[in-house]
Amino acid sequence: MTDRALRGSGLGSKSFADGSGVEFAARQEIGFDCPKGHHFAITFAEEAELPTEWECIKCGGMARRSDGVMPEVKVTKPVRTHWDMLRERRSLEELEVLLAERLQEIRSKE
């Protein structure tokens, strides 16, 4: 029975691979400053697109890059209300006529 016993390293996550000769990808470290005074650095690949903001690892607030790179200002459209969209389709005179017709219709039902 002992002749058939399994011999080896066991069933764990043990690796016998040798780490020599492994060449890591080029990396860069970018510093971030939190509004609460925390400073930390995150490592990125050299070819990675670098973010301008990162969540602070200490307080969870949004930290900005220490090197002064600011985020791009996104052009936003003003919010269009229902009134704005209605005014694109009809003039004030047309709306007054429609309102008068609807009011007359409502009053005639009473």
PDB file of N, CA and C in Angstrom:
ATOM      1  N   MET A   1       0.818  -1.198   0.000  1.00  0.00           N
ATOM      2  CA  MET A   1       0.000   0.000   0.000  1.00  0.00           C
ATOM      3  C   MET A   1       0.857   1.255   0.000  1.00  0.00           C
ATOM      4  N   THR A   2       1.959   1.212   0.729  1.00  0.00           N
ATOM      5  CA  THR A   2       2.828   2.391   0.760  1.00  0.00           C
ATOM      6  C   THR A   2       3.536   2.606  -0.556  1.00  0.00           C
ATOM      7  N   ASP A   3       3.641   1.592  -1.380  1.00  0.00           N
ATOM      8  CA  ASP A   3       4.280   1.761  -2.682  1.00  0.00           C
ATOM      9  C   ASP A   3       3.421   2.604  -3.625  1.00  0.00           C
ATOM     10  N   ARG A   4       2.125   2.582  -3.383  1.00  0.00           N
ATOM     11  CA  ARG A   4       1.222   3.316  -4.265  1.00  0.00           C
ATOM     12  C   ARG A   4       0.885   4.728  -3.752  1.00  0.00           C
ATOM     13  N   ALA A   5       1.480   5.150  -2.702  1.00  0.00           N
ATOM     14  CA  ALA A   5       1.186   6.475  -2.149  1.00  0.00           C
ATOM     15  C   ALA A   5       1.657   7.555  -3.119  1.00  0.00           C
ATOM     16  N   LEU A   6       0.865   8.624  -3.215  1.00  0.00           N
ATOM     17  CA  LEU A   6       1.222   9.728  -4.102  1.00  0.00           C
ATOM     18  C   LEU A   6       2.346  10.537  -3.482  1.00  0.00           C
ATOM     19  N   ARG A   7       3.335  10.793  -4.259  1.00  0.00           N
ATOM     20  CA  ARG A   7       4.443  11.609  -3.772  1.00  0.00           C
ATOM     21  C   ARG A   7       4.507  12.861  -4.642  1.00  0.00           C
ATOM     22  N   GLY A   8       4.751  13.952  -4.017  1.00  0.00           N
ATOM     23  CA  GLY A   8       4.848  15.208  -4.758  1.00  0.00           C
ATOM     24  C   GLY A   8       4.708  16.372  -3.816  1.00  0.00           C
ATOM     25  N   SER A   9       4.235  17.434  -4.337  1.00  0.00           N
ATOM     26  CA  SER A   9       4.162  18.662  -3.544  1.00  0.00           C
ATOM     27  C   SER A   9       2.806  18.874  -2.904  1.00  0.00           C
ATOM     28  N   GLY A  10       1.823  18.088  -3.220  1.00  0.00           N
ATOM     29  CA  GLY A  10       0.497  18.281  -2.646  1.00  0.00           C
ATOM     30  C   GLY A  10      -0.403  19.028  -3.602  1.00  0.00           C
ATOM     31  N   LEU A  11      -1.582  19.349  -3.120  1.00  0.00           N
ATOM     32  CA  LEU A  11      -2.568  19.989  -3.977  1.00  0.00           C
ATOM     33  C   LEU A  11      -2.727  21.467  -3.629  1.00  0.00           C
ATOM     34  N   GLY A  12      -1.693  22.189  -3.531  1.00  0.00           N
ATOM     35  CA  GLY A  12      -1.800  23.604  -3.217  1.00  0.00           C
ATOM     36  C   GLY A  12      -1.480  24.456  -4.420  1.00  0.00           C
ATOM     37  N   SER A  13      -1.294  25.716  -4.171  1.00  0.00           N
ATOM     38  CA  SER A  13      -0.942  26.625  -5.262  1.00  0.00           C
ATOM     39  C   SER A  13       0.558  26.889  -5.225  1.00  0.00           C
ATOM     40  N   LYS A  14       1.325  25.847  -5.167  1.00  0.00           N
ATOM     41  CA  LYS A  14       2.779  25.974  -5.148  1.00  0.00           C
ATOM     42  C   LYS A  14       3.280  25.980  -6.589  1.00  0.00           C
ATOM     43  N   SER A  15       4.170  26.895  -6.857  1.00  0.00           N
ATOM     44  CA  SER A  15       4.714  26.989  -8.203  1.00  0.00           C
ATOM     45  C   SER A  15       6.212  26.739  -8.141  1.00  0.00           C
ATOM     46  N   PHE A  16       6.689  25.943  -9.044  1.00  0.00           N
ATOM     47  CA  PHE A  16       8.109  25.670  -9.117  1.00  0.00           C
ATOM     48  C   PHE A  16       8.763  26.411 -10.280  1.00  0.00           C
ATOM     49  N   ALA A  17       8.031  27.349 -10.859  1.00  0.00           N
ATOM     50  CA  ALA A  17       8.565  28.109 -11.982  1.00  0.00           C
ATOM     51  C   ALA A  17       9.646  29.058 -11.472  1.00  0.00           C
ATOM     52  N   ASP A  18      10.682  29.196 -12.233  1.00  0.00           N
ATOM     53  CA  ASP A  18      11.792  30.059 -11.870  1.00  0.00           C
ATOM     54  C   ASP A  18      11.511  31.462 -12.397  1.00  0.00           C
ATOM     55  N   GLY A  19      11.670  32.485 -11.549  1.00  0.00           N
ATOM     56  CA  GLY A  19      11.386  33.862 -11.931  1.00  0.00           C
ATOM     57  C   GLY A  19      12.518  34.536 -12.655  1.00  0.00           C
ATOM     58  N   SER A  20      13.633  33.860 -12.811  1.00  0.00           N
ATOM     59  CA  SER A  20      14.757  34.502 -13.490  1.00  0.00           C
ATOM     60  C   SER A  20      14.489  34.554 -14.993  1.00  0.00           C
ATOM     61  N   GLY A  21      14.934  35.618 -15.598  1.00  0.00           N
ATOM     62  CA  GLY A  21      14.751  35.774 -17.034  1.00  0.00           C
ATOM     63  C   GLY A  21      13.423  36.403 -17.409  1.00  0.00           C
ATOM     64  N   VAL A  22      12.584  36.708 -16.420  1.00  0.00           N
ATOM     65  CA  VAL A  22      11.294  37.338 -16.710  1.00  0.00           C
ATOM     66  C   VAL A  22      11.526  38.842 -16.835  1.00  0.00           C
ATOM     67  N   GLU A  23      11.064  39.412 -17.923  1.00  0.00           N
ATOM     68  CA  GLU A  23      11.232  40.840 -18.137  1.00  0.00           C
ATOM     69  C   GLU A  23       9.871  41.518 -17.967  1.00  0.00           C
ATOM     70  N   PHE A  24       9.786  42.420 -17.005  1.00  0.00           N
ATOM     71  CA  PHE A  24       8.527  43.104 -16.733  1.00  0.00           C
ATOM     72  C   PHE A  24       8.281  44.195 -17.765  1.00  0.00           C
ATOM     73  N   ALA A  25       7.023  44.512 -17.966  1.00  0.00           N
ATOM     74  CA  ALA A  25       6.658  45.598 -18.880  1.00  0.00           C
ATOM     75  C   ALA A  25       7.108  46.924 -18.283  1.00  0.00           C
ATOM     76  N   ALA A  26       7.381  47.885 -19.142  1.00  0.00           N
ATOM     77  CA  ALA A  26       7.803  49.207 -18.687  1.00  0.00           C
ATOM     78  C   ALA A  26       6.653  49.861 -17.924  1.00  0.00           C
ATOM     79  N   ARG A  27       6.987  50.419 -16.767  1.00  0.00           N
ATOM     80  CA  ARG A  27       5.966  51.009 -15.911  1.00  0.00           C
ATOM     81  C   ARG A  27       6.339  52.436 -15.542  1.00  0.00           C
ATOM     82  N   GLN A  28       5.324  53.176 -15.117  1.00  0.00           N
ATOM     83  CA  GLN A  28       5.538  54.531 -14.617  1.00  0.00           C
ATOM     84  C   GLN A  28       4.653  54.749 -13.408  1.00  0.00           C
ATOM     85  N   GLU A  29       5.109  55.570 -12.510  1.00  0.00           N
ATOM     86  CA  GLU A  29       4.369  55.841 -11.279  1.00  0.00           C
ATOM     87  C   GLU A  29       3.849  57.271 -11.331  1.00  0.00           C
ATOM     88  N   ILE A  30       2.552  57.428 -11.094  1.00  0.00           N
ATOM     89  CA  ILE A  30       1.913  58.741 -11.135  1.00  0.00           C
ATOM     90  C   ILE A  30       1.401  59.061  -9.733  1.00  0.00           C
ATOM     91  N   GLY A  31       1.740  60.254  -9.254  1.00  0.00           N
ATOM     92  CA  GLY A  31       1.299  60.685  -7.930  1.00  0.00           C
ATOM     93  C   GLY A  31      -0.038  61.397  -7.994  1.00  0.00           C
ATOM     94  N   PHE A  32      -0.816  61.251  -6.939  1.00  0.00           N
ATOM     95  CA  PHE A  32      -2.126  61.895  -6.829  1.00  0.00           C
ATOM     96  C   PHE A  32      -2.220  62.606  -5.486  1.00  0.00           C
ATOM     97  N   ASP A  33      -2.890  63.756  -5.464  1.00  0.00           N
ATOM     98  CA  ASP A  33      -3.103  64.531  -4.248  1.00  0.00           C
ATOM     99  C   ASP A  33      -4.590  64.667  -3.982  1.00  0.00           C
ATOM    100  N   CYS A  34      -4.986  64.317  -2.783  1.00  0.00           N
ATOM    101  CA  CYS A  34      -6.380  64.387  -2.354  1.00  0.00           C
ATOM    102  C   CYS A  34      -6.653  65.779  -1.779  1.00  0.00           C
ATOM    103  N   PRO A  35      -7.871  66.302  -1.871  1.00  0.00           N
ATOM    104  CA  PRO A  35      -8.188  67.601  -1.273  1.00  0.00           C
ATOM    105  C   PRO A  35      -7.999  67.610   0.252  1.00  0.00           C
ATOM    106  N   LYS A  36      -8.016  66.439   0.876  1.00  0.00           N
ATOM    107  CA  LYS A  36      -7.832  66.366   2.333  1.00  0.00           C
ATOM    108  C   LYS A  36      -6.358  66.245   2.722  1.00  0.00           C
ATOM    109  N   GLY A  37      -5.451  66.370   1.756  1.00  0.00           N
ATOM    110  CA  GLY A  37      -4.032  66.360   2.055  1.00  0.00           C
ATOM    111  C   GLY A  37      -3.344  65.018   1.907  1.00  0.00           C
ATOM    112  N   HIS A  38      -4.054  63.999   1.498  1.00  0.00           N
ATOM    113  CA  HIS A  38      -3.428  62.689   1.302  1.00  0.00           C
ATOM    114  C   HIS A  38      -2.671  62.670  -0.019  1.00  0.00           C
ATOM    115  N   HIS A  39      -1.507  62.023  -0.021  1.00  0.00           N
ATOM    116  CA  HIS A  39      -0.728  61.849  -1.249  1.00  0.00           C
ATOM    117  C   HIS A  39      -0.455  60.363  -1.425  1.00  0.00           C
ATOM    118  N   PHE A  40      -0.640  59.864  -2.639  1.00  0.00           N
ATOM    119  CA  PHE A  40      -0.365  58.457  -2.925  1.00  0.00           C
ATOM    120  C   PHE A  40       0.051  58.335  -4.381  1.00  0.00           C
ATOM    121  N   ALA A  41       0.634  57.206  -4.730  1.00  0.00           N
ATOM    122  CA  ALA A  41       1.102  56.980  -6.101  1.00  0.00           C
ATOM    123  C   ALA A  41       0.537  55.661  -6.606  1.00  0.00           C
ATOM    124  N   ILE A  42       0.197  55.632  -7.881  1.00  0.00           N
ATOM    125  CA  ILE A  42      -0.330  54.440  -8.538  1.00  0.00           C
ATOM    126  C   ILE A  42       0.599  54.120  -9.712  1.00  0.00           C
ATOM    127  N   THR A  43       0.872  52.835  -9.903  1.00  0.00           N
ATOM    128  CA  THR A  43       1.747  52.403 -10.988  1.00  0.00           C
ATOM    129  C   THR A  43       0.914  52.008 -12.197  1.00  0.00           C
ATOM    130  N   PHE A  44       1.303  52.532 -13.361  1.00  0.00           N
ATOM    131  CA  PHE A  44       0.633  52.244 -14.620  1.00  0.00           C
ATOM    132  C   PHE A  44       1.657  51.744 -15.627  1.00  0.00           C
ATOM    133  N   ALA A  45       1.180  51.041 -16.634  1.00  0.00           N
ATOM    134  CA  ALA A  45       2.037  50.668 -17.751  1.00  0.00           C
ATOM    135  C   ALA A  45       2.398  51.930 -18.522  1.00  0.00           C
ATOM    136  N   GLU A  46       3.556  51.931 -19.160  1.00  0.00           N
ATOM    137  CA  GLU A  46       3.988  53.121 -19.885  1.00  0.00           C
ATOM    138  C   GLU A  46       3.072  53.490 -21.033  1.00  0.00           C
ATOM    139  N   GLU A  47       2.480  52.510 -21.694  1.00  0.00           N
ATOM    140  CA  GLU A  47       1.609  52.812 -22.827  1.00  0.00           C
ATOM    141  C   GLU A  47       0.155  53.033 -22.416  1.00  0.00           C
ATOM    142  N   ALA A  48      -0.150  52.977 -21.125  1.00  0.00           N
ATOM    143  CA  ALA A  48      -1.531  53.146 -20.655  1.00  0.00           C
ATOM    144  C   ALA A  48      -1.964  54.606 -20.769  1.00  0.00           C
ATOM    145  N   GLU A  49      -3.260  54.796 -20.987  1.00  0.00           N
ATOM    146  CA  GLU A  49      -3.828  56.143 -20.985  1.00  0.00           C
ATOM    147  C   GLU A  49      -3.986  56.552 -19.526  1.00  0.00           C
ATOM    148  N   LEU A  50      -3.337  57.634 -19.135  1.00  0.00           N
ATOM    149  CA  LEU A  50      -3.284  58.012 -17.724  1.00  0.00           C
ATOM    150  C   LEU A  50      -4.504  58.830 -17.324  1.00  0.00           C
ATOM    151  N   PRO A  51      -5.151  58.473 -16.215  1.00  0.00           N
ATOM    152  CA  PRO A  51      -6.307  59.239 -15.757  1.00  0.00           C
ATOM    153  C   PRO A  51      -5.863  60.530 -15.083  1.00  0.00           C
ATOM    154  N   THR A  52      -6.725  61.520 -15.071  1.00  0.00           N
ATOM    155  CA  THR A  52      -6.420  62.776 -14.385  1.00  0.00           C
ATOM    156  C   THR A  52      -6.937  62.765 -12.960  1.00  0.00           C
ATOM    157  N   GLU A  53      -7.883  61.874 -12.660  1.00  0.00           N
ATOM    158  CA  GLU A  53      -8.427  61.751 -11.307  1.00  0.00           C
ATOM    159  C   GLU A  53      -8.430  60.288 -10.902  1.00  0.00           C
ATOM    160  N   TRP A  54      -8.286  60.057  -9.589  1.00  0.00           N
ATOM    161  CA  TRP A  54      -8.288  58.695  -9.053  1.00  0.00           C
ATOM    162  C   TRP A  54      -8.884  58.759  -7.659  1.00  0.00           C
ATOM    163  N   GLU A  55      -9.619  57.721  -7.281  1.00  0.00           N
ATOM    164  CA  GLU A  55     -10.223  57.689  -5.955  1.00  0.00           C
ATOM    165  C   GLU A  55      -9.134  57.554  -4.895  1.00  0.00           C
ATOM    166  N   CYS A  56      -9.183  58.421  -3.877  1.00  0.00           N
ATOM    167  CA  CYS A  56      -8.184  58.413  -2.812  1.00  0.00           C
ATOM    168  C   CYS A  56      -8.239  57.081  -2.078  1.00  0.00           C
ATOM    169  N   ILE A  57      -7.066  56.486  -1.845  1.00  0.00           N
ATOM    170  CA  ILE A  57      -7.021  55.171  -1.208  1.00  0.00           C
ATOM    171  C   ILE A  57      -7.237  55.271   0.301  1.00  0.00           C
ATOM    172  N   LYS A  58      -7.228  56.493   0.851  1.00  0.00           N
ATOM    173  CA  LYS A  58      -7.413  56.648   2.297  1.00  0.00           C
ATOM    174  C   LYS A  58      -8.820  57.105   2.677  1.00  0.00           C
ATOM    175  N   CYS A  59      -9.363  58.080   1.934  1.00  0.00           N
ATOM    176  CA  CYS A  59     -10.669  58.627   2.329  1.00  0.00           C
ATOM    177  C   CYS A  59     -11.763  58.390   1.292  1.00  0.00           C
ATOM    178  N   GLY A  60     -11.414  57.999   0.079  1.00  0.00           N
ATOM    179  CA  GLY A  60     -12.421  57.723  -0.945  1.00  0.00           C
ATOM    180  C   GLY A  60     -12.806  58.928  -1.776  1.00  0.00           C
ATOM    181  N   GLY A  61     -12.244  60.103  -1.484  1.00  0.00           N
ATOM    182  CA  GLY A  61     -12.538  61.297  -2.283  1.00  0.00           C
ATOM    183  C   GLY A  61     -11.809  61.241  -3.621  1.00  0.00           C
ATOM    184  N   MET A  62     -12.122  62.180  -4.489  1.00  0.00           N
ATOM    185  CA  MET A  62     -11.462  62.209  -5.792  1.00  0.00           C
ATOM    186  C   MET A  62     -10.174  63.023  -5.684  1.00  0.00           C
ATOM    187  N   ALA A  63      -9.056  62.369  -6.019  1.00  0.00           N
ATOM    188  CA  ALA A  63      -7.752  63.012  -5.986  1.00  0.00           C
ATOM    189  C   ALA A  63      -7.321  63.357  -7.406  1.00  0.00           C
ATOM    190  N   ARG A  64      -6.572  64.437  -7.547  1.00  0.00           N
ATOM    191  CA  ARG A  64      -6.070  64.862  -8.854  1.00  0.00           C
ATOM    192  C   ARG A  64      -4.575  64.596  -8.955  1.00  0.00           C
ATOM    193  N   ARG A  65      -4.094  64.534 -10.180  1.00  0.00           N
ATOM    194  CA  ARG A  65      -2.679  64.239 -10.407  1.00  0.00           C
ATOM    195  C   ARG A  65      -1.777  65.319  -9.816  1.00  0.00           C
ATOM    196  N   SER A  66      -0.649  64.891  -9.275  1.00  0.00           N
ATOM    197  CA  SER A  66       0.295  65.808  -8.649  1.00  0.00           C
ATOM    198  C   SER A  66       1.077  66.628  -9.661  1.00  0.00           C
ATOM    199  N   ASP A  67       1.199  66.132 -10.886  1.00  0.00           N
ATOM    200  CA  ASP A  67       1.993  66.840 -11.880  1.00  0.00           C
ATOM    201  C   ASP A  67       1.248  68.002 -12.540  1.00  0.00           C
ATOM    202  N   GLY A  68       0.029  68.273 -12.093  1.00  0.00           N
ATOM    203  CA  GLY A  68      -0.711  69.438 -12.568  1.00  0.00           C
ATOM    204  C   GLY A  68      -1.539  69.227 -13.811  1.00  0.00           C
ATOM    205  N   VAL A  69      -1.601  68.017 -14.343  1.00  0.00           N
ATOM    206  CA  VAL A  69      -2.421  67.754 -15.524  1.00  0.00           C
ATOM    207  C   VAL A  69      -3.892  67.821 -15.118  1.00  0.00           C
ATOM    208  N   MET A  70      -4.637  68.685 -15.791  1.00  0.00           N
ATOM    209  CA  MET A  70      -6.050  68.881 -15.453  1.00  0.00           C
ATOM    210  C   MET A  70      -6.927  68.078 -16.410  1.00  0.00           C
ATOM    211  N   PRO A  71      -8.110  67.661 -15.941  1.00  0.00           N
ATOM    212  CA  PRO A  71      -9.017  66.930 -16.837  1.00  0.00           C
ATOM    213  C   PRO A  71      -9.549  67.854 -17.925  1.00  0.00           C
ATOM    214  N   GLU A  72      -9.858  67.258 -19.083  1.00  0.00           N
ATOM    215  CA  GLU A  72     -10.429  68.027 -20.182  1.00  0.00           C
ATOM    216  C   GLU A  72     -11.835  68.476 -19.817  1.00  0.00           C
ATOM    217  N   VAL A  73     -12.130  69.698 -20.157  1.00  0.00           N
ATOM    218  CA  VAL A  73     -13.472  70.221 -19.895  1.00  0.00           C
ATOM    219  C   VAL A  73     -14.394  69.693 -20.989  1.00  0.00           C
ATOM    220  N   LYS A  74     -15.412  68.968 -20.586  1.00  0.00           N
ATOM    221  CA  LYS A  74     -16.352  68.410 -21.554  1.00  0.00           C
ATOM    222  C   LYS A  74     -17.409  69.446 -21.893  1.00  0.00           C
ATOM    223  N   VAL A  75     -17.670  69.572 -23.167  1.00  0.00           N
ATOM    224  CA  VAL A  75     -18.704  70.498 -23.620  1.00  0.00           C
ATOM    225  C   VAL A  75     -20.054  69.837 -23.379  1.00  0.00           C
ATOM    226  N   THR A  76     -20.868  70.500 -22.585  1.00  0.00           N
ATOM    227  CA  THR A  76     -22.185  69.941 -22.285  1.00  0.00           C
ATOM    228  C   THR A  76     -23.257  70.834 -22.888  1.00  0.00           C
ATOM    229  N   LYS A  77     -24.288  70.206 -23.373  1.00  0.00           N
ATOM    230  CA  LYS A  77     -25.417  70.956 -23.917  1.00  0.00           C
ATOM    231  C   LYS A  77     -26.290  71.412 -22.749  1.00  0.00           C
ATOM    232  N   PRO A  78     -26.909  72.583 -22.894  1.00  0.00           N
ATOM    233  CA  PRO A  78     -27.848  72.988 -21.843  1.00  0.00           C
ATOM    234  C   PRO A  78     -29.056  72.048 -21.851  1.00  0.00           C
ATOM    235  N   VAL A  79     -29.633  71.858 -20.699  1.00  0.00           N
ATOM    236  CA  VAL A  79     -30.769  70.963 -20.579  1.00  0.00           C
ATOM    237  C   VAL A  79     -31.963  71.558 -21.311  1.00  0.00           C
ATOM    238  N   ARG A  80     -32.577  70.747 -22.159  1.00  0.00           N
ATOM    239  CA  ARG A  80     -33.757  71.204 -22.906  1.00  0.00           C
ATOM    240  C   ARG A  80     -35.005  70.750 -22.157  1.00  0.00           C
ATOM    241  N   THR A  81     -35.857  71.700 -21.848  1.00  0.00           N
ATOM    242  CA  THR A  81     -37.116  71.391 -21.174  1.00  0.00           C
ATOM    243  C   THR A  81     -38.197  71.132 -22.217  1.00  0.00           C
ATOM    244  N   HIS A  82     -39.344  70.696 -21.748  1.00  0.00           N
ATOM    245  CA  HIS A  82     -40.472  70.475 -22.654  1.00  0.00           C
ATOM    246  C   HIS A  82     -40.884  71.798 -23.319  1.00  0.00           C
ATOM    247  N   TRP A  83     -40.818  72.876 -22.556  1.00  0.00           N
ATOM    248  CA  TRP A  83     -41.177  74.184 -23.090  1.00  0.00           C
ATOM    249  C   TRP A  83     -40.217  74.578 -24.227  1.00  0.00           C
ATOM    250  N   ASP A  84     -38.925  74.309 -24.043  1.00  0.00           N
ATOM    251  CA  ASP A  84     -37.942  74.626 -25.089  1.00  0.00           C
ATOM    252  C   ASP A  84     -38.240  73.855 -26.368  1.00  0.00           C
ATOM    253  N   MET A  85     -38.559  72.580 -26.234  1.00  0.00           N
ATOM    254  CA  MET A  85     -38.852  71.769 -27.415  1.00  0.00           C
ATOM    255  C   MET A  85     -40.151  72.214 -28.090  1.00  0.00           C
ATOM    256  N   LEU A  86     -41.130  72.605 -27.286  1.00  0.00           N
ATOM    257  CA  LEU A  86     -42.388  73.102 -27.843  1.00  0.00           C
ATOM    258  C   LEU A  86     -42.160  74.408 -28.594  1.00  0.00           C
ATOM    259  N   ARG A  87     -41.315  75.286 -28.038  1.00  0.00           N
ATOM    260  CA  ARG A  87     -41.020  76.564 -28.686  1.00  0.00           C
ATOM    261  C   ARG A  87     -40.247  76.379 -29.984  1.00  0.00           C
ATOM    262  N   GLU A  88     -39.547  75.257 -30.134  1.00  0.00           N
ATOM    263  CA  GLU A  88     -38.855  74.993 -31.394  1.00  0.00           C
ATOM    264  C   GLU A  88     -39.843  74.661 -32.504  1.00  0.00           C
ATOM    265  N   ARG A  89     -40.991  74.079 -32.112  1.00  0.00           N
ATOM    266  CA  ARG A  89     -41.968  73.649 -33.116  1.00  0.00           C
ATOM    267  C   ARG A  89     -43.054  74.685 -33.389  1.00  0.00           C
ATOM    268  N   ARG A  90     -43.369  75.519 -32.398  1.00  0.00           N
ATOM    269  CA  ARG A  90     -44.487  76.451 -32.554  1.00  0.00           C
ATOM    270  C   ARG A  90     -44.104  77.848 -32.076  1.00  0.00           C
ATOM    271  N   SER A  91     -44.763  78.847 -32.655  1.00  0.00           N
ATOM    272  CA  SER A  91     -44.538  80.227 -32.216  1.00  0.00           C
ATOM    273  C   SER A  91     -45.493  80.546 -31.062  1.00  0.00           C
ATOM    274  N   LEU A  92     -45.255  81.669 -30.415  1.00  0.00           N
ATOM    275  CA  LEU A  92     -46.125  82.055 -29.300  1.00  0.00           C
ATOM    276  C   LEU A  92     -47.557  82.318 -29.772  1.00  0.00           C
ATOM    277  N   GLU A  93     -47.693  82.868 -30.956  1.00  0.00           N
ATOM    278  CA  GLU A  93     -49.031  83.141 -31.481  1.00  0.00           C
ATOM    279  C   GLU A  93     -49.807  81.838 -31.686  1.00  0.00           C
ATOM    280  N   GLU A  94     -49.127  80.827 -32.255  1.00  0.00           N
ATOM    281  CA  GLU A  94     -49.781  79.527 -32.458  1.00  0.00           C
ATOM    282  C   GLU A  94     -50.171  78.898 -31.117  1.00  0.00           C
ATOM    283  N   LEU A  95     -49.311  79.021 -30.133  1.00  0.00           N
ATOM    284  CA  LEU A  95     -49.603  78.448 -28.821  1.00  0.00           C
ATOM    285  C   LEU A  95     -50.782  79.155 -28.151  1.00  0.00           C
ATOM    286  N   GLU A  96     -50.875  80.466 -28.333  1.00  0.00           N
ATOM    287  CA  GLU A  96     -52.011  81.200 -27.768  1.00  0.00           C
ATOM    288  C   GLU A  96     -53.324  80.755 -28.409  1.00  0.00           C
ATOM    289  N   VAL A  97     -53.331  80.533 -29.722  1.00  0.00           N
ATOM    290  CA  VAL A  97     -54.524  80.061 -30.420  1.00  0.00           C
ATOM    291  C   VAL A  97     -54.923  78.677 -29.908  1.00  0.00           C
ATOM    292  N   LEU A  98     -53.937  77.781 -29.794  1.00  0.00           N
ATOM    293  CA  LEU A  98     -54.218  76.429 -29.287  1.00  0.00           C
ATOM    294  C   LEU A  98     -54.757  76.464 -27.864  1.00  0.00           C
ATOM    295  N   LEU A  99     -54.180  77.324 -27.028  1.00  0.00           N
ATOM    296  CA  LEU A  99     -54.650  77.440 -25.645  1.00  0.00           C
ATOM    297  C   LEU A  99     -56.091  77.946 -25.603  1.00  0.00           C
ATOM    298  N   ALA A 100     -56.404  78.940 -26.426  1.00  0.00           N
ATOM    299  CA  ALA A 100     -57.768  79.463 -26.459  1.00  0.00           C
ATOM    300  C   ALA A 100     -58.753  78.387 -26.906  1.00  0.00           C
ATOM    301  N   GLU A 101     -58.370  77.594 -27.907  1.00  0.00           N
ATOM    302  CA  GLU A 101     -59.249  76.508 -28.375  1.00  0.00           C
ATOM    303  C   GLU A 101     -59.483  75.483 -27.284  1.00  0.00           C
ATOM    304  N   ARG A 102     -58.430  75.076 -26.585  1.00  0.00           N
ATOM    305  CA  ARG A 102     -58.559  74.069 -25.527  1.00  0.00           C
ATOM    306  C   ARG A 102     -59.402  74.597 -24.370  1.00  0.00           C
ATOM    307  N   LEU A 103     -59.195  75.866 -23.997  1.00  0.00           N
ATOM    308  CA  LEU A 103     -59.988  76.445 -22.903  1.00  0.00           C
ATOM    309  C   LEU A 103     -61.465  76.515 -23.283  1.00  0.00           C
ATOM    310  N   GLN A 104     -61.736  76.880 -24.526  1.00  0.00           N
ATOM    311  CA  GLN A 104     -63.126  76.938 -24.987  1.00  0.00           C
ATOM    312  C   GLN A 104     -63.750  75.546 -24.964  1.00  0.00           C
ATOM    313  N   GLU A 105     -62.992  74.533 -25.370  1.00  0.00           N
ATOM    314  CA  GLU A 105     -63.482  73.151 -25.369  1.00  0.00           C
ATOM    315  C   GLU A 105     -63.769  72.675 -23.953  1.00  0.00           C
ATOM    316  N   ILE A 106     -62.898  72.995 -23.022  1.00  0.00           N
ATOM    317  CA  ILE A 106     -63.089  72.585 -21.619  1.00  0.00           C
ATOM    318  C   ILE A 106     -64.292  73.290 -21.017  1.00  0.00           C
ATOM    319  N   ARG A 107     -64.437  74.596 -21.283  1.00  0.00           N
ATOM    320  CA  ARG A 107     -65.561  75.348 -20.720  1.00  0.00           C
ATOM    321  C   ARG A 107     -66.897  74.915 -21.309  1.00  0.00           C
ATOM    322  N   SER A 108     -66.894  74.466 -22.559  1.00  0.00           N
ATOM    323  CA  SER A 108     -68.147  74.040 -23.182  1.00  0.00           C
ATOM    324  C   SER A 108     -68.628  72.708 -22.587  1.00  0.00           C
ATOM    325  N   LYS A 109     -67.722  71.902 -22.072  1.00  0.00           N
ATOM    326  CA  LYS A 109     -68.110  70.619 -21.454  1.00  0.00           C
ATOM    327  C   LYS A 109     -68.735  70.818 -20.080  1.00  0.00           C
ATOM    328  N   GLU A 110     -68.434  71.924 -19.433  1.00  0.00           N
ATOM    329  CA  GLU A 110     -68.980  72.176 -18.090  1.00  0.00           C
ATOM    330  C   GLU A 110     -70.387  72.592 -18.199  1.00  0.00           C
TER     331      GLU A 110
END
